[in-house]
Protein backbone atom coordinates (compact mmCIF):
# COMPACT_ATOMS: atom_id res chain seq x y z
CA MET A 1 30.74 46.38 -53.54
CA CYS A 2 34.16 47.33 -54.88
CA GLY A 3 35.89 50.15 -53.09
CA VAL A 4 33.79 50.08 -49.92
CA ASN A 5 35.64 49.19 -46.75
CA SER A 6 34.17 46.42 -44.62
CA PHE A 7 33.11 48.71 -41.75
CA ALA A 8 31.00 50.91 -44.02
CA TYR A 9 29.52 47.85 -45.73
CA TYR A 10 28.49 46.11 -42.51
CA PHE A 11 27.34 49.35 -40.87
CA GLY A 12 25.08 50.00 -43.86
CA LEU A 13 23.68 46.48 -43.70
CA PHE A 14 23.17 46.74 -39.94
CA PHE A 15 21.38 50.08 -40.29
CA GLY A 16 19.19 48.70 -43.10
CA ASP A 17 18.25 45.64 -41.05
CA LEU A 18 17.51 47.85 -38.07
CA LEU A 19 15.17 49.99 -40.19
CA LEU A 20 13.38 46.82 -41.32
CA TYR A 21 13.00 45.75 -37.66
CA LEU A 22 11.47 48.99 -36.38
CA PRO A 23 8.02 48.96 -38.11
CA PRO A 24 7.01 45.46 -36.93
CA ILE A 25 8.16 46.09 -33.36
CA GLY A 26 6.40 49.46 -33.39
CA MET A 27 3.18 47.80 -34.52
CA MET A 28 3.60 45.14 -31.84
CA VAL A 29 3.99 47.76 -29.09
CA ALA A 30 0.98 49.68 -30.47
CA LEU A 31 -1.10 46.50 -30.45
CA VAL A 32 -0.09 45.71 -26.87
CA LYS A 33 -1.05 49.23 -25.83
CA ALA A 34 -4.33 49.25 -27.80
CA ALA A 35 -5.44 45.79 -26.66
CA GLU A 36 -4.19 46.40 -23.12
CA ILE A 37 -2.73 42.93 -22.82
CA LYS A 38 -2.26 42.82 -19.06
CA PRO A 39 1.08 40.99 -18.70
CA TYR A 40 2.73 43.42 -21.12
CA SER A 41 0.78 46.64 -20.66
CA ASN A 42 1.48 46.67 -16.92
CA VAL A 43 5.22 46.86 -17.65
CA LEU A 44 5.07 48.64 -21.01
CA PRO A 45 8.25 50.76 -20.58
CA ASP A 46 10.26 47.66 -19.69
CA PHE A 47 8.69 45.77 -22.59
CA MET A 48 9.57 48.58 -25.01
CA LEU A 49 13.16 48.67 -23.74
CA LEU A 50 13.49 44.91 -24.14
CA ALA A 51 11.98 45.02 -27.63
CA ALA A 52 14.23 47.94 -28.66
CA GLY A 53 17.34 46.09 -27.48
CA PHE A 54 16.41 42.71 -28.92
CA GLY A 55 16.61 43.71 -32.59
CA PRO A 56 20.11 45.20 -32.62
CA CYS A 57 21.44 42.34 -30.49
CA LEU A 58 19.92 39.71 -32.78
CA ILE A 59 21.22 41.45 -35.90
CA ALA A 60 24.74 41.76 -34.47
CA PHE A 61 24.72 38.13 -33.31
CA THR A 62 23.60 36.98 -36.76
CA TYR A 63 26.46 38.89 -38.42
CA LEU A 64 29.01 37.49 -35.96
CA VAL A 65 27.86 33.91 -36.46
CA ALA A 66 27.77 34.37 -40.24
CA HIS A 67 31.34 35.67 -40.09
CA LEU A 68 32.46 32.37 -38.50
CA TYR A 69 31.24 30.48 -41.58
CA LYS A 70 32.66 32.96 -44.10
CA LYS A 71 35.24 30.44 -45.31
CA SER A 72 34.09 27.03 -46.41
């Protein structure tokens, strides 16, 4: 990736990983709603907020930890 600054590179990777996270979590929320799983369907808005925040946090944490081991 010659010529690309690090912010653009990592932002692109983050956005790509986020796009890969959205379909599975969307299917999971749809399944919870369709199957009416009681512990989750009773608090579905909270569950969706938690699920929407988990992916970006996990992706960012993974990048930060990987940055610590950048040099061998």
